[in-house]
Protein backbone atom coordinates (compact mmCIF):
# COMPACT_ATOMS: atom_id res chain seq x y z
CA MET A 1 8.73 9.31 -12.50
CA ASN A 2 11.03 8.19 -15.17
CA ARG A 3 13.85 7.26 -12.84
CA SER A 4 14.74 3.64 -12.27
CA TYR A 5 14.16 1.91 -9.17
CA GLU A 6 17.83 2.00 -8.16
CA GLU A 7 17.89 5.68 -8.79
CA LEU A 8 14.87 6.43 -6.63
CA VAL A 9 16.08 4.31 -3.84
CA ALA A 10 19.76 5.63 -3.87
CA GLN A 11 18.50 9.32 -3.84
CA ALA A 12 15.99 8.78 -0.99
CA ASP A 13 18.56 6.76 1.15
CA ALA A 14 20.96 9.75 0.88
CA VAL A 15 18.88 12.69 1.66
CA PRO A 16 18.97 14.03 5.07
CA VAL A 17 16.10 13.28 7.38
CA GLU A 18 16.53 15.64 10.43
CA GLY A 19 13.68 17.85 11.56
CA TRP A 20 9.89 17.46 10.68
CA ASP A 21 9.87 19.22 7.49
CA PHE A 22 8.43 16.87 4.83
CA SER A 23 8.65 19.17 2.00
CA TRP A 24 11.02 16.68 0.05
CA LEU A 25 7.78 14.63 -0.48
CA ASP A 26 6.09 17.39 -2.38
CA GLY A 27 4.85 15.84 -5.45
CA ARG A 28 5.85 12.36 -4.27
CA ALA A 29 3.35 11.80 -1.45
CA THR A 30 0.17 13.11 -0.48
CA GLU A 31 -1.63 13.22 3.01
CA GLN A 32 -4.99 14.47 4.12
CA ARG A 33 -4.73 17.03 6.95
CA PRO A 34 -6.91 16.88 9.98
CA SER A 35 -9.95 19.15 9.84
CA TRP A 36 -8.94 20.89 13.16
CA GLY A 37 -6.00 22.80 11.75
CA TYR A 38 -3.43 22.15 14.46
CA GLN A 39 -0.94 24.84 13.82
CA ARG A 40 -3.64 27.48 13.50
CA LEU A 41 -5.18 26.36 16.86
CA ILE A 42 -1.91 26.40 18.85
CA GLY A 43 -1.17 29.77 17.18
CA GLU A 44 -4.53 31.22 18.51
CA ARG A 45 -3.84 29.94 21.98
CA LEU A 46 -0.20 31.05 22.15
CA ALA A 47 -0.96 34.51 21.27
CA THR A 48 -3.20 34.62 24.54
CA VAL A 49 -0.59 33.31 27.17
CA GLY A 50 2.28 34.50 28.95
CA ALA A 51 4.30 31.34 29.13
CA ALA A 52 4.22 28.13 27.13
CA LEU A 53 6.30 24.94 26.37
CA ASP A 54 6.39 22.76 23.26
CA VAL A 55 7.19 19.18 24.05
CA GLN A 56 9.20 17.17 21.62
CA THR A 57 9.54 19.86 19.17
CA GLY A 58 11.34 18.19 16.36
CA GLY A 59 13.10 20.62 14.25
CA GLY A 60 10.84 23.43 15.60
CA GLU A 61 9.12 23.72 12.16
CA VAL A 62 5.26 23.87 13.49
CA LEU A 63 6.29 26.23 16.38
CA ALA A 64 8.29 28.45 13.95
CA GLY A 65 5.32 28.86 11.79
CA VAL A 66 3.01 30.41 14.45
CA ARG A 67 2.76 34.07 13.92
CA GLU A 68 2.96 35.25 17.81
CA LEU A 69 4.81 33.54 20.45
CA PRO A 70 4.23 34.43 24.17
CA PRO A 71 6.83 36.35 26.08
CA LEU A 72 8.17 32.98 27.62
CA MET A 73 8.35 30.26 24.99
CA ALA A 74 10.46 26.99 25.67
CA ALA A 75 10.55 23.75 23.66
CA THR A 76 12.31 20.65 24.41
CA GLU A 77 13.99 18.03 21.78
CA SER A 78 16.12 15.04 22.37
CA TRP A 79 17.72 14.30 18.90
CA PRO A 80 20.80 16.41 18.45
CA PRO A 81 20.30 17.01 14.94
CA ASN A 82 16.69 18.39 15.53
CA ILE A 83 18.14 20.29 18.45
CA ALA A 84 20.43 22.36 16.15
CA LYS A 85 17.73 22.94 13.61
CA ALA A 86 15.15 24.00 16.14
CA THR A 87 17.53 26.37 17.81
CA ALA A 88 18.23 28.03 14.56
CA LEU A 89 14.65 28.46 13.81
CA LEU A 90 13.38 29.33 17.23
CA HIS A 91 16.04 31.39 18.89
CA PRO A 92 15.45 34.47 16.54
CA ARG A 93 11.70 34.31 17.64
CA GLY A 94 12.85 34.64 21.23
CA ALA A 95 12.26 30.84 22.14
CA VAL A 96 14.79 28.74 24.15
CA VAL A 97 15.31 25.20 22.89
CA VAL A 98 16.27 22.83 25.82
CA ALA A 99 17.86 19.48 25.13
CA ASP A 100 15.64 16.81 26.97
CA ALA A 101 15.92 13.10 26.76
CA ASP A 102 12.11 12.69 26.81
CA GLU A 103 11.99 10.92 29.98
CA PRO A 104 10.75 12.33 33.33
CA PRO A 105 11.34 14.87 34.88
CA LEU A 106 10.86 17.58 32.42
CA PRO A 107 13.48 20.34 33.19
CA PHE A 108 11.18 22.90 34.37
CA ALA A 109 9.59 23.97 37.78
CA ASP A 110 6.10 23.28 38.82
CA GLY A 111 3.45 25.40 37.34
CA ALA A 112 5.86 26.98 35.00
CA PHE A 113 3.39 27.34 32.07
CA ASP A 114 0.07 28.38 30.99
CA LEU A 115 0.10 26.25 27.88
CA VAL A 116 1.88 22.82 26.93
CA THR A 117 1.82 21.74 23.35
CA SER A 118 3.00 18.95 21.22
CA ARG A 119 2.74 17.56 17.94
CA HIS A 120 3.09 13.87 17.44
CA PRO A 121 5.10 13.28 20.63
CA VAL A 122 6.69 9.72 20.79
CA THR A 123 5.93 9.43 24.58
CA VAL A 124 3.56 11.33 26.84
CA TRP A 125 4.41 11.71 30.53
CA TRP A 126 1.06 12.92 31.75
CA ASP A 127 2.08 13.39 35.28
CA GLU A 128 5.04 15.84 34.06
CA ILE A 129 2.62 17.66 31.88
CA ALA A 130 0.28 18.22 34.77
CA ARG A 131 3.22 19.19 37.07
CA VAL A 132 4.51 22.02 34.85
CA LEU A 133 1.15 23.47 34.19
CA ARG A 134 -0.18 26.25 36.24
CA PRO A 135 -3.70 25.71 37.73
CA GLY A 136 -6.08 26.30 34.91
CA GLY A 137 -3.41 25.71 32.39
CA THR A 138 -4.06 23.64 29.24
CA TYR A 139 -2.29 20.87 27.30
CA LEU A 140 -3.33 21.04 23.65
CA ALA A 141 -1.56 18.51 21.38
CA GLN A 142 -2.06 16.30 18.25
CA HIS A 143 -1.08 12.81 18.68
CA VAL A 144 -0.60 10.00 16.22
CA GLY A 145 -3.45 7.62 16.51
CA PRO A 146 -4.00 3.78 16.80
CA ALA A 147 -2.76 1.65 13.51
CA SER A 148 -1.29 4.75 11.88
CA CYS A 149 -0.20 3.82 8.48
CA VAL A 150 -0.83 0.18 9.50
CA GLU A 151 -1.15 -0.91 5.72
CA LEU A 152 2.49 0.43 4.97
CA VAL A 153 3.79 -1.19 8.34
CA GLU A 154 2.30 -4.66 7.67
CA PHE A 155 3.54 -4.41 4.18
CA PHE A 156 7.09 -4.71 5.55
CA LEU A 157 6.70 -6.22 8.88
CA GLY A 158 3.39 -8.68 8.35
CA PRO A 159 0.44 -8.78 10.46
CA GLN A 160 0.78 -6.77 13.81
CA PRO A 161 -0.67 -7.82 16.96
CA ALA A 162 -3.70 -6.16 18.46
CA GLU A 163 -1.46 -4.61 21.25
CA ARG A 164 0.62 -2.55 19.00
CA ARG A 165 -2.09 -1.59 16.71
CA ASN A 166 -4.03 -0.08 19.82
CA ALA A 167 -1.17 1.30 21.59
CA ARG A 168 -1.88 4.81 20.70
CA HIS A 169 -5.69 4.74 21.03
CA PRO A 170 -7.13 8.01 22.28
CA ASP A 171 -8.91 6.39 25.14
CA ARG A 172 -5.65 5.66 26.77
CA ALA A 173 -4.82 9.33 26.52
CA ARG A 174 -8.04 10.08 28.13
CA THR A 175 -7.38 7.80 30.92
CA GLY A 176 -3.64 8.82 31.21
CA ALA A 177 -4.79 12.57 31.54
CA ALA A 178 -7.40 11.87 34.11
CA THR A 179 -5.20 9.68 36.22
CA ALA A 180 -2.69 12.65 36.27
CA GLY A 181 -5.40 14.91 37.40
CA LEU A 182 -6.18 16.69 34.12
CA GLU A 183 -9.82 17.30 32.83
CA VAL A 184 -10.10 16.16 29.04
CA VAL A 185 -12.42 19.02 27.58
CA ASP A 186 -11.88 17.98 23.68
CA LEU A 187 -10.99 14.78 22.10
CA ARG A 188 -11.29 14.23 18.28
CA ALA A 189 -9.85 11.47 16.00
CA GLU A 190 -9.68 11.15 12.20
CA SER A 191 -8.46 8.66 9.67
CA LEU A 192 -6.64 10.41 6.79
CA ARG A 193 -5.81 8.97 3.54
CA THR A 194 -2.11 8.99 2.51
CA GLU A 195 -0.59 8.03 -0.84
CA PHE A 196 3.08 7.33 -1.97
CA LEU A 197 3.72 7.95 -5.45
CA ASP A 198 7.05 6.47 -5.76
CA ILE A 199 9.38 4.01 -3.94
CA GLY A 200 11.70 6.92 -2.89
CA ALA A 201 8.98 8.58 -0.90
CA VAL A 202 8.52 5.23 1.03
CA VAL A 203 12.29 4.94 1.75
CA TYR A 204 12.28 8.68 2.93
CA PHE A 205 9.27 8.34 5.09
CA LEU A 206 10.51 5.18 6.86
CA ARG A 207 13.82 6.67 7.40
CA LYS A 208 12.40 9.85 9.04
CA VAL A 209 9.51 8.18 11.00
CA ILE A 210 11.68 5.76 12.58
CA TRP A 211 9.03 3.96 14.72
CA MET A 212 6.85 2.75 11.58
CA VAL A 213 9.48 -0.02 10.79
CA PRO A 214 11.98 0.09 13.63
CA GLY A 215 15.58 -0.26 12.40
CA PHE A 216 14.44 0.15 8.60
CA THR A 217 17.29 0.35 6.29
CA VAL A 218 17.24 -0.09 2.56
CA ASP A 219 19.63 -3.14 2.83
CA GLY A 220 17.35 -4.89 5.26
CA TYR A 221 14.30 -4.93 3.11
CA PRO A 222 15.55 -5.40 -0.52
CA GLN A 223 12.67 -7.75 -1.60
CA ARG A 224 9.84 -5.98 -0.10
CA LEU A 225 10.95 -2.70 -1.45
CA ARG A 226 11.11 -4.11 -4.91
CA GLU A 227 7.59 -5.48 -4.50
CA MET A 228 6.58 -2.09 -3.25
CA HIS A 229 8.05 -0.19 -6.35
CA GLU A 230 6.44 -2.72 -8.74
CA HIS A 231 2.81 -2.24 -6.71
CA ILE A 232 3.28 1.51 -7.23
CA VAL A 233 4.15 1.31 -10.82
CA ALA A 234 1.27 -0.95 -11.50
CA GLU A 235 -1.33 0.87 -9.25
CA GLY A 236 -0.11 4.42 -9.55
CA SER A 237 0.30 4.88 -5.81
CA PHE A 238 0.48 2.95 -2.33
CA VAL A 239 -2.45 3.79 -0.29
CA THR A 240 -2.33 3.85 3.50
CA TYR A 241 -4.26 5.72 6.29
CA THR A 242 -2.67 7.68 8.83
CA THR A 243 -4.58 8.42 12.24
CA ARG A 244 -4.53 11.49 14.28
CA TYR A 245 -6.22 12.78 17.19
CA LEU A 246 -6.55 16.15 18.88
CA ILE A 247 -6.51 16.24 22.66
CA GLU A 248 -6.98 19.25 25.23
CA ALA A 249 -6.68 18.58 28.84
CA ARG A 250 -6.96 21.30 31.36
CA LYS A 251 -5.47 21.54 34.89
CA PRO A 252 -8.13 22.48 37.60
CA LEU A 253 -7.99 25.65 39.33
């Protein structure tokens, strides 16, 4: 990158961040992908069921990339810009996008779905997932794990308490699912190397993934952004580690 700090930050601060398409970061950041291939996995499952729900679908990008959707396919999303984007992507595929506040109850009847999916949900309401699943139905999701990108978070916020670092631990998901009456049949976690190659990529990421540094703005962190830029120029990148886990939980017959 030959552009100045000011140019990189101004560009990243102006670009739209709705949806979960991260293609703007191509060539500016890299992230290892989990070995299980989440989109492929849900694609295989969706092709075998009659009714499915994707919770917190974002802009619908993951679901839209699946080859075959079931006859009844619904998705929920809370953020209006994402709702509009998901509707544009998924309605042509025959899926309905429902505006939902991401709080109980889910706007569906008991036992409505064979399969519930979700990629990186902000919150997981296990009782509601269990309620809308049919007996024998499955929840198959990829969640953000504990201390994800903690190196990046702590660069801006300082050392974080253990409670926040472990808030998304997969053991908590296992307990939550079991308490709701679901049987966890698969639980896998991985730590994945992530690199930011310029300060614009950092700004874009923190604007888009709003829970990393809550309330992040460029004006709110001028000194740390400048220091991050200098680190990237000197070292070639800023390295952090995302954590992800795959969870599959089944409702008993």
